[in-house]
Amino acid sequence: MKLHPVTIVIIALNIIFTLKGLKDTSFFERYKFSIGGIKAGQKERMFTSGFLHVDISHIFFNMFTLYFFANVVIAYMGPLYFVLMYVISLLAGSLLALFFHKDEPYYSAVGASGAVTGILYAAILLEPNMRLGIMFIPMPMPAYVFGIGYLLYSIYGMKKRIGNIGHTAHFGGAIGGYVTTLFFMPNLIFTDTLVVVLMAVPIIVLFVLDKMGKI
């Protein structure tokens, strides 16, 4: 599959900054997402952290996912809107992490997961019936079913603090991709109403649970 030049640039930037961070601990610590650092005025961490990763497998998984879904979004929206969506989703992931972890000064995170999840969720909105497979589940499922299930799992992960994974950033990125897609292509609300509503359900559930003090 041939990648668009903007996707190649994004992947290259992630690789360059990740390798720099892996070699230079002070660089990594200075630009990772850190509640303490952000509250101290280093707001740029909310953006720069999206280009750092903890190891090669971490960046490989994120860039591999981007590789599969970037072309879908670019085909519908063009490269400019794709880049805007990537950045908005990245920042949305950081904002949601800041919202949920604001009272945890030592909370930190890195990775393009928020941005990539935003692109994934956008691609699902645009092509809800494409088939996606999951390891250990032999039969592919409609993309929108996967998207809903993924966010519900993210809520569970946020609640139970499962693994060393930024579930909050994933969820925030998905919200960014969802909202941005509908902003750029509002006709989806009328042409794919059921899918749009169903994919909003986990987002509503998250904020209802937060309001109830369950997260």
C-alpha atoms as a PDB file:
ATOM      1  CA  MET A   1       0.000   0.000   0.000  1.00  0.00           C
ATOM      2  CA  LYS A   2       1.427   3.366  -1.066  1.00  0.00           C
ATOM      3  CA  LEU A   3       1.487   5.999   1.680  1.00  0.00           C
ATOM      4  CA  HIS A   4       0.731   9.660   1.125  1.00  0.00           C
ATOM      5  CA  PRO A   5       3.755  11.958   1.704  1.00  0.00           C
ATOM      6  CA  VAL A   6       2.128  13.585   4.764  1.00  0.00           C
ATOM      7  CA  THR A   7       1.792  10.172   6.419  1.00  0.00           C
ATOM      8  CA  ILE A   8       5.441   9.440   5.663  1.00  0.00           C
ATOM      9  CA  VAL A   9       6.449  12.780   7.235  1.00  0.00           C
ATOM     10  CA  ILE A  10       4.426  12.048  10.389  1.00  0.00           C
ATOM     11  CA  ILE A  11       5.951   8.564  10.710  1.00  0.00           C
ATOM     12  CA  ALA A  12       9.430   9.995  10.130  1.00  0.00           C
ATOM     13  CA  LEU A  13       8.952  12.657  12.832  1.00  0.00           C
ATOM     14  CA  ASN A  14       7.787   9.999  15.288  1.00  0.00           C
ATOM     15  CA  ILE A  15      10.827   7.841  14.528  1.00  0.00           C
ATOM     16  CA  ILE A  16      13.288  10.748  14.778  1.00  0.00           C
ATOM     17  CA  PHE A  17      11.962  12.059  18.097  1.00  0.00           C
ATOM     18  CA  THR A  18      11.525   8.586  19.560  1.00  0.00           C
ATOM     19  CA  LEU A  19      15.108   7.574  18.743  1.00  0.00           C
ATOM     20  CA  LYS A  20      16.353  10.868  20.185  1.00  0.00           C
ATOM     21  CA  GLY A  21      14.359  10.252  23.365  1.00  0.00           C
ATOM     22  CA  LEU A  22      15.578   6.682  23.702  1.00  0.00           C
ATOM     23  CA  LYS A  23      19.187   7.843  23.452  1.00  0.00           C
ATOM     24  CA  ASP A  24      18.835  11.018  25.539  1.00  0.00           C
ATOM     25  CA  THR A  25      17.050  10.559  28.874  1.00  0.00           C
ATOM     26  CA  SER A  26      17.032  14.285  29.650  1.00  0.00           C
ATOM     27  CA  PHE A  27      15.337  14.985  26.294  1.00  0.00           C
ATOM     28  CA  PHE A  28      12.745  12.289  26.984  1.00  0.00           C
ATOM     29  CA  GLU A  29      12.026  13.587  30.485  1.00  0.00           C
ATOM     30  CA  ARG A  30      11.779  17.197  29.302  1.00  0.00           C
ATOM     31  CA  TYR A  31       9.227  16.568  26.557  1.00  0.00           C
ATOM     32  CA  LYS A  32       7.065  13.699  27.850  1.00  0.00           C
ATOM     33  CA  PHE A  33       3.525  14.319  29.092  1.00  0.00           C
ATOM     34  CA  SER A  34       3.836  15.156  32.773  1.00  0.00           C
ATOM     35  CA  ILE A  35       1.121  16.613  34.973  1.00  0.00           C
ATOM     36  CA  GLY A  36       3.724  18.282  37.177  1.00  0.00           C
ATOM     37  CA  GLY A  37       5.579  19.760  34.214  1.00  0.00           C
ATOM     38  CA  ILE A  38       2.410  20.998  32.520  1.00  0.00           C
ATOM     39  CA  LYS A  39       1.185  22.651  35.712  1.00  0.00           C
ATOM     40  CA  ALA A  40       4.605  24.294  35.987  1.00  0.00           C
ATOM     41  CA  GLY A  41       3.928  25.992  32.657  1.00  0.00           C
ATOM     42  CA  GLN A  42       5.438  23.561  30.152  1.00  0.00           C
ATOM     43  CA  LYS A  43       2.283  23.314  28.026  1.00  0.00           C
ATOM     44  CA  GLU A  44       4.259  22.129  24.983  1.00  0.00           C
ATOM     45  CA  ARG A  45       4.507  18.714  26.638  1.00  0.00           C
ATOM     46  CA  MET A  46       0.890  18.125  25.634  1.00  0.00           C
ATOM     47  CA  PHE A  47       2.061  18.143  22.005  1.00  0.00           C
ATOM     48  CA  THR A  48       5.664  16.911  22.104  1.00  0.00           C
ATOM     49  CA  SER A  49       4.787  13.810  24.138  1.00  0.00           C
ATOM     50  CA  GLY A  50       2.869  12.517  21.121  1.00  0.00           C
ATOM     51  CA  PHE A  51       6.138  12.003  19.227  1.00  0.00           C
ATOM     52  CA  LEU A  52       7.971  10.083  21.962  1.00  0.00           C
ATOM     53  CA  HIS A  53       7.671   6.347  22.687  1.00  0.00           C
ATOM     54  CA  VAL A  54       9.002   4.094  25.422  1.00  0.00           C
ATOM     55  CA  ASP A  55      10.520   1.507  23.080  1.00  0.00           C
ATOM     56  CA  ILE A  56      10.620   0.236  19.504  1.00  0.00           C
ATOM     57  CA  SER A  57       7.583  -2.038  19.882  1.00  0.00           C
ATOM     58  CA  HIS A  58       5.542   0.908  21.178  1.00  0.00           C
ATOM     59  CA  ILE A  59       6.265   3.082  18.145  1.00  0.00           C
ATOM     60  CA  PHE A  60       5.945   0.130  15.755  1.00  0.00           C
ATOM     61  CA  PHE A  61       2.417  -0.667  16.920  1.00  0.00           C
ATOM     62  CA  ASN A  62       1.308   2.978  16.646  1.00  0.00           C
ATOM     63  CA  MET A  63       2.855   3.566  13.231  1.00  0.00           C
ATOM     64  CA  PHE A  64       1.605   0.194  11.965  1.00  0.00           C
ATOM     65  CA  THR A  65      -1.948   1.211  12.895  1.00  0.00           C
ATOM     66  CA  LEU A  66      -1.477   4.612  11.245  1.00  0.00           C
ATOM     67  CA  TYR A  67      -0.173   2.865   8.124  1.00  0.00           C
ATOM     68  CA  PHE A  68      -3.436   0.943   7.745  1.00  0.00           C
ATOM     69  CA  PHE A  69      -5.931   3.748   8.370  1.00  0.00           C
ATOM     70  CA  ALA A  70      -4.300   7.002   7.247  1.00  0.00           C
ATOM     71  CA  ASN A  71      -5.162   6.462   3.574  1.00  0.00           C
ATOM     72  CA  VAL A  72      -8.854   6.028   4.392  1.00  0.00           C
ATOM     73  CA  VAL A  73      -9.041   9.444   6.044  1.00  0.00           C
ATOM     74  CA  ILE A  74      -6.908  11.125   3.370  1.00  0.00           C
ATOM     75  CA  ALA A  75      -9.081   9.657   0.597  1.00  0.00           C
ATOM     76  CA  TYR A  76     -12.191  11.270   2.077  1.00  0.00           C
ATOM     77  CA  MET A  77     -10.784  14.506   3.501  1.00  0.00           C
ATOM     78  CA  GLY A  78      -7.487  15.253   1.818  1.00  0.00           C
ATOM     79  CA  PRO A  79      -4.031  15.633   3.382  1.00  0.00           C
ATOM     80  CA  LEU A  80      -4.595  19.032   5.039  1.00  0.00           C
ATOM     81  CA  TYR A  81      -7.645  17.924   7.021  1.00  0.00           C
ATOM     82  CA  PHE A  82      -5.877  14.665   7.821  1.00  0.00           C
ATOM     83  CA  VAL A  83      -2.972  16.544   9.433  1.00  0.00           C
ATOM     84  CA  LEU A  84      -5.397  18.810  11.309  1.00  0.00           C
ATOM     85  CA  MET A  85      -7.255  15.766  12.593  1.00  0.00           C
ATOM     86  CA  TYR A  86      -4.011  14.102  13.669  1.00  0.00           C
ATOM     87  CA  VAL A  87      -2.938  17.169  15.668  1.00  0.00           C
ATOM     88  CA  ILE A  88      -6.413  17.751  17.145  1.00  0.00           C
ATOM     89  CA  SER A  89      -6.658  14.103  18.217  1.00  0.00           C
ATOM     90  CA  LEU A  90      -3.181  14.236  19.764  1.00  0.00           C
ATOM     91  CA  LEU A  91      -4.113  17.315  21.789  1.00  0.00           C
ATOM     92  CA  ALA A  92      -7.545  15.900  22.678  1.00  0.00           C
ATOM     93  CA  GLY A  93      -5.820  12.841  24.147  1.00  0.00           C
ATOM     94  CA  SER A  94      -3.543  15.053  26.231  1.00  0.00           C
ATOM     95  CA  LEU A  95      -6.435  17.263  27.362  1.00  0.00           C
ATOM     96  CA  LEU A  96      -8.501  14.295  28.518  1.00  0.00           C
ATOM     97  CA  ALA A  97      -5.474  12.856  30.344  1.00  0.00           C
ATOM     98  CA  LEU A  98      -4.958  16.235  32.010  1.00  0.00           C
ATOM     99  CA  PHE A  99      -8.634  16.364  32.965  1.00  0.00           C
ATOM    100  CA  PHE A 100      -8.686  12.910  34.567  1.00  0.00           C
ATOM    101  CA  HIS A 101      -5.214  12.977  36.140  1.00  0.00           C
ATOM    102  CA  LYS A 102      -4.897  16.647  37.130  1.00  0.00           C
ATOM    103  CA  ASP A 103      -4.528  15.728  40.796  1.00  0.00           C
ATOM    104  CA  GLU A 104      -1.728  13.218  40.123  1.00  0.00           C
ATOM    105  CA  PRO A 105       1.467  15.319  39.827  1.00  0.00           C
ATOM    106  CA  TYR A 106       3.638  12.291  39.025  1.00  0.00           C
ATOM    107  CA  TYR A 107       1.401  10.979  36.222  1.00  0.00           C
ATOM    108  CA  SER A 108       3.274  10.848  32.927  1.00  0.00           C
ATOM    109  CA  ALA A 109       2.753   9.366  29.479  1.00  0.00           C
ATOM    110  CA  VAL A 110       4.178   9.308  25.954  1.00  0.00           C
ATOM    111  CA  GLY A 111       3.127   8.017  22.565  1.00  0.00           C
ATOM    112  CA  ALA A 112       1.178   8.790  19.414  1.00  0.00           C
ATOM    113  CA  SER A 113      -1.693   6.590  20.578  1.00  0.00           C
ATOM    114  CA  GLY A 114      -4.136   9.470  21.032  1.00  0.00           C
ATOM    115  CA  ALA A 115      -3.484  10.853  17.554  1.00  0.00           C
ATOM    116  CA  VAL A 116      -3.526   7.401  15.945  1.00  0.00           C
ATOM    117  CA  THR A 117      -6.732   6.393  17.732  1.00  0.00           C
ATOM    118  CA  GLY A 118      -8.310   9.600  16.433  1.00  0.00           C
ATOM    119  CA  ILE A 119      -7.398   8.602  12.867  1.00  0.00           C
ATOM    120  CA  LEU A 120      -8.661   5.069  13.522  1.00  0.00           C
ATOM    121  CA  TYR A 121     -11.996   6.321  14.868  1.00  0.00           C
ATOM    122  CA  ALA A 122     -12.336   8.739  11.936  1.00  0.00           C
ATOM    123  CA  ALA A 123     -11.658   5.918   9.457  1.00  0.00           C
ATOM    124  CA  ILE A 124     -14.333   3.814  11.152  1.00  0.00           C
ATOM    125  CA  LEU A 125     -16.852   6.663  10.889  1.00  0.00           C
ATOM    126  CA  LEU A 126     -16.030   7.068   7.207  1.00  0.00           C
ATOM    127  CA  GLU A 127     -16.057   3.334   6.432  1.00  0.00           C
ATOM    128  CA  PRO A 128     -18.159   1.776   9.223  1.00  0.00           C
ATOM    129  CA  ASN A 129     -18.718  -1.497   7.400  1.00  0.00           C
ATOM    130  CA  MET A 130     -15.100  -2.326   6.614  1.00  0.00           C
ATOM    131  CA  ARG A 131     -14.098  -5.557   8.356  1.00  0.00           C
ATOM    132  CA  LEU A 132     -11.531  -5.555  11.146  1.00  0.00           C
ATOM    133  CA  GLY A 133     -10.029  -8.613  12.777  1.00  0.00           C
ATOM    134  CA  ILE A 134      -8.737  -8.993  16.321  1.00  0.00           C
ATOM    135  CA  MET A 135      -6.192 -11.465  17.608  1.00  0.00           C
ATOM    136  CA  PHE A 136      -7.840 -14.574  19.125  1.00  0.00           C
ATOM    137  CA  ILE A 137     -11.195 -13.751  17.443  1.00  0.00           C
ATOM    138  CA  PRO A 138     -11.243 -15.706  14.167  1.00  0.00           C
ATOM    139  CA  MET A 139     -14.051 -13.815  12.415  1.00  0.00           C
ATOM    140  CA  PRO A 140     -13.612 -10.166  11.314  1.00  0.00           C
ATOM    141  CA  MET A 141     -16.252  -7.757  12.606  1.00  0.00           C
ATOM    142  CA  PRO A 142     -17.750  -4.515  11.248  1.00  0.00           C
ATOM    143  CA  ALA A 143     -15.439  -1.605  12.011  1.00  0.00           C
ATOM    144  CA  TYR A 144     -18.031   0.298  14.037  1.00  0.00           C
ATOM    145  CA  VAL A 145     -18.512  -2.699  16.358  1.00  0.00           C
ATOM    146  CA  PHE A 146     -14.751  -2.810  16.901  1.00  0.00           C
ATOM    147  CA  GLY A 147     -14.684   0.959  17.575  1.00  0.00           C
ATOM    148  CA  ILE A 148     -17.443   0.824  20.165  1.00  0.00           C
ATOM    149  CA  GLY A 149     -15.910  -2.204  21.866  1.00  0.00           C
ATOM    150  CA  TYR A 150     -12.472  -0.599  21.906  1.00  0.00           C
ATOM    151  CA  LEU A 151     -13.726   2.519  23.689  1.00  0.00           C
ATOM    152  CA  LEU A 152     -15.753   0.516  26.190  1.00  0.00           C
ATOM    153  CA  TYR A 153     -12.590  -1.458  26.947  1.00  0.00           C
ATOM    154  CA  SER A 154     -10.702   1.828  27.319  1.00  0.00           C
ATOM    155  CA  ILE A 155     -13.229   2.955  29.939  1.00  0.00           C
ATOM    156  CA  TYR A 156     -12.653  -0.315  31.796  1.00  0.00           C
ATOM    157  CA  GLY A 157      -8.894   0.179  31.466  1.00  0.00           C
ATOM    158  CA  MET A 158      -9.154   3.719  32.852  1.00  0.00           C
ATOM    159  CA  LYS A 159     -11.231   2.534  35.780  1.00  0.00           C
ATOM    160  CA  LYS A 160      -9.019  -0.452  36.653  1.00  0.00           C
ATOM    161  CA  ARG A 161      -5.685   1.146  35.629  1.00  0.00           C
ATOM    162  CA  ILE A 162      -4.919  -1.890  33.457  1.00  0.00           C
ATOM    163  CA  GLY A 163      -1.299  -2.158  32.345  1.00  0.00           C
ATOM    164  CA  ASN A 164       1.143   0.617  31.597  1.00  0.00           C
ATOM    165  CA  ILE A 165      -1.185   1.974  28.923  1.00  0.00           C
ATOM    166  CA  GLY A 166      -2.543   5.499  28.432  1.00  0.00           C
ATOM    167  CA  HIS A 167      -6.186   4.488  28.097  1.00  0.00           C
ATOM    168  CA  THR A 168      -7.244   8.081  28.769  1.00  0.00           C
ATOM    169  CA  ALA A 169      -5.200   9.430  25.856  1.00  0.00           C
ATOM    170  CA  HIS A 170      -6.619   6.722  23.581  1.00  0.00           C
ATOM    171  CA  PHE A 171     -10.135   7.740  24.527  1.00  0.00           C
ATOM    172  CA  GLY A 172      -9.416  11.459  24.186  1.00  0.00           C
ATOM    173  CA  GLY A 173      -7.906  10.881  20.755  1.00  0.00           C
ATOM    174  CA  ALA A 174     -10.998   8.948  19.672  1.00  0.00           C
ATOM    175  CA  ILE A 175     -13.196  11.854  20.795  1.00  0.00           C
ATOM    176  CA  GLY A 176     -10.975  14.200  18.788  1.00  0.00           C
ATOM    177  CA  GLY A 177     -11.271  12.044  15.673  1.00  0.00           C
ATOM    178  CA  TYR A 178     -15.031  11.620  16.123  1.00  0.00           C
ATOM    179  CA  VAL A 179     -15.804  15.308  16.611  1.00  0.00           C
ATOM    180  CA  THR A 180     -13.405  16.497  13.902  1.00  0.00           C
ATOM    181  CA  THR A 181     -14.806  14.041  11.345  1.00  0.00           C
ATOM    182  CA  LEU A 182     -18.353  15.226  11.971  1.00  0.00           C
ATOM    183  CA  PHE A 183     -17.227  18.858  11.879  1.00  0.00           C
ATOM    184  CA  PHE A 184     -15.512  18.383   8.500  1.00  0.00           C
ATOM    185  CA  MET A 185     -18.185  16.035   7.111  1.00  0.00           C
ATOM    186  CA  PRO A 186     -21.518  16.835   8.863  1.00  0.00           C
ATOM    187  CA  ASN A 187     -23.417  14.971   6.131  1.00  0.00           C
ATOM    188  CA  LEU A 188     -22.467  11.725   7.931  1.00  0.00           C
ATOM    189  CA  ILE A 189     -25.003  12.638  10.617  1.00  0.00           C
ATOM    190  CA  PHE A 190     -27.738  12.170   8.001  1.00  0.00           C
ATOM    191  CA  THR A 191     -26.251   9.439   5.808  1.00  0.00           C
ATOM    192  CA  ASP A 192     -24.994   7.183   8.630  1.00  0.00           C
ATOM    193  CA  THR A 193     -27.126   8.331  11.552  1.00  0.00           C
ATOM    194  CA  LEU A 194     -27.248   4.995  13.380  1.00  0.00           C
ATOM    195  CA  VAL A 195     -23.474   4.501  13.255  1.00  0.00           C
ATOM    196  CA  VAL A 196     -22.837   8.091  14.376  1.00  0.00           C
ATOM    197  CA  VAL A 197     -25.180   7.631  17.346  1.00  0.00           C
ATOM    198  CA  LEU A 198     -23.821   4.201  18.296  1.00  0.00           C
ATOM    199  CA  MET A 199     -20.215   5.424  18.206  1.00  0.00           C
ATOM    200  CA  ALA A 200     -21.167   8.300  20.500  1.00  0.00           C
ATOM    201  CA  VAL A 201     -22.484   5.904  23.164  1.00  0.00           C
ATOM    202  CA  PRO A 202     -19.091   5.094  24.805  1.00  0.00           C
ATOM    203  CA  ILE A 203     -18.261   8.819  24.922  1.00  0.00           C
ATOM    204  CA  ILE A 204     -21.534   9.554  26.705  1.00  0.00           C
ATOM    205  CA  VAL A 205     -20.986   6.588  29.043  1.00  0.00           C
ATOM    206  CA  LEU A 206     -17.542   7.894  30.025  1.00  0.00           C
ATOM    207  CA  PHE A 207     -18.781  11.314  31.085  1.00  0.00           C
ATOM    208  CA  VAL A 208     -21.853   9.901  32.826  1.00  0.00           C
ATOM    209  CA  LEU A 209     -19.603   7.565  34.848  1.00  0.00           C
ATOM    210  CA  ASP A 210     -17.281  10.484  35.630  1.00  0.00           C
ATOM    211  CA  LYS A 211     -20.247  12.578  36.792  1.00  0.00           C
ATOM    212  CA  MET A 212     -21.298   9.693  39.035  1.00  0.00           C
ATOM    213  CA  GLY A 213     -17.763   9.414  40.442  1.00  0.00           C
ATOM    214  CA  LYS A 214     -17.282   5.931  39.007  1.00  0.00           C
ATOM    215  CA  ILE A 215     -14.040   6.684  37.103  1.00  0.00           C
END
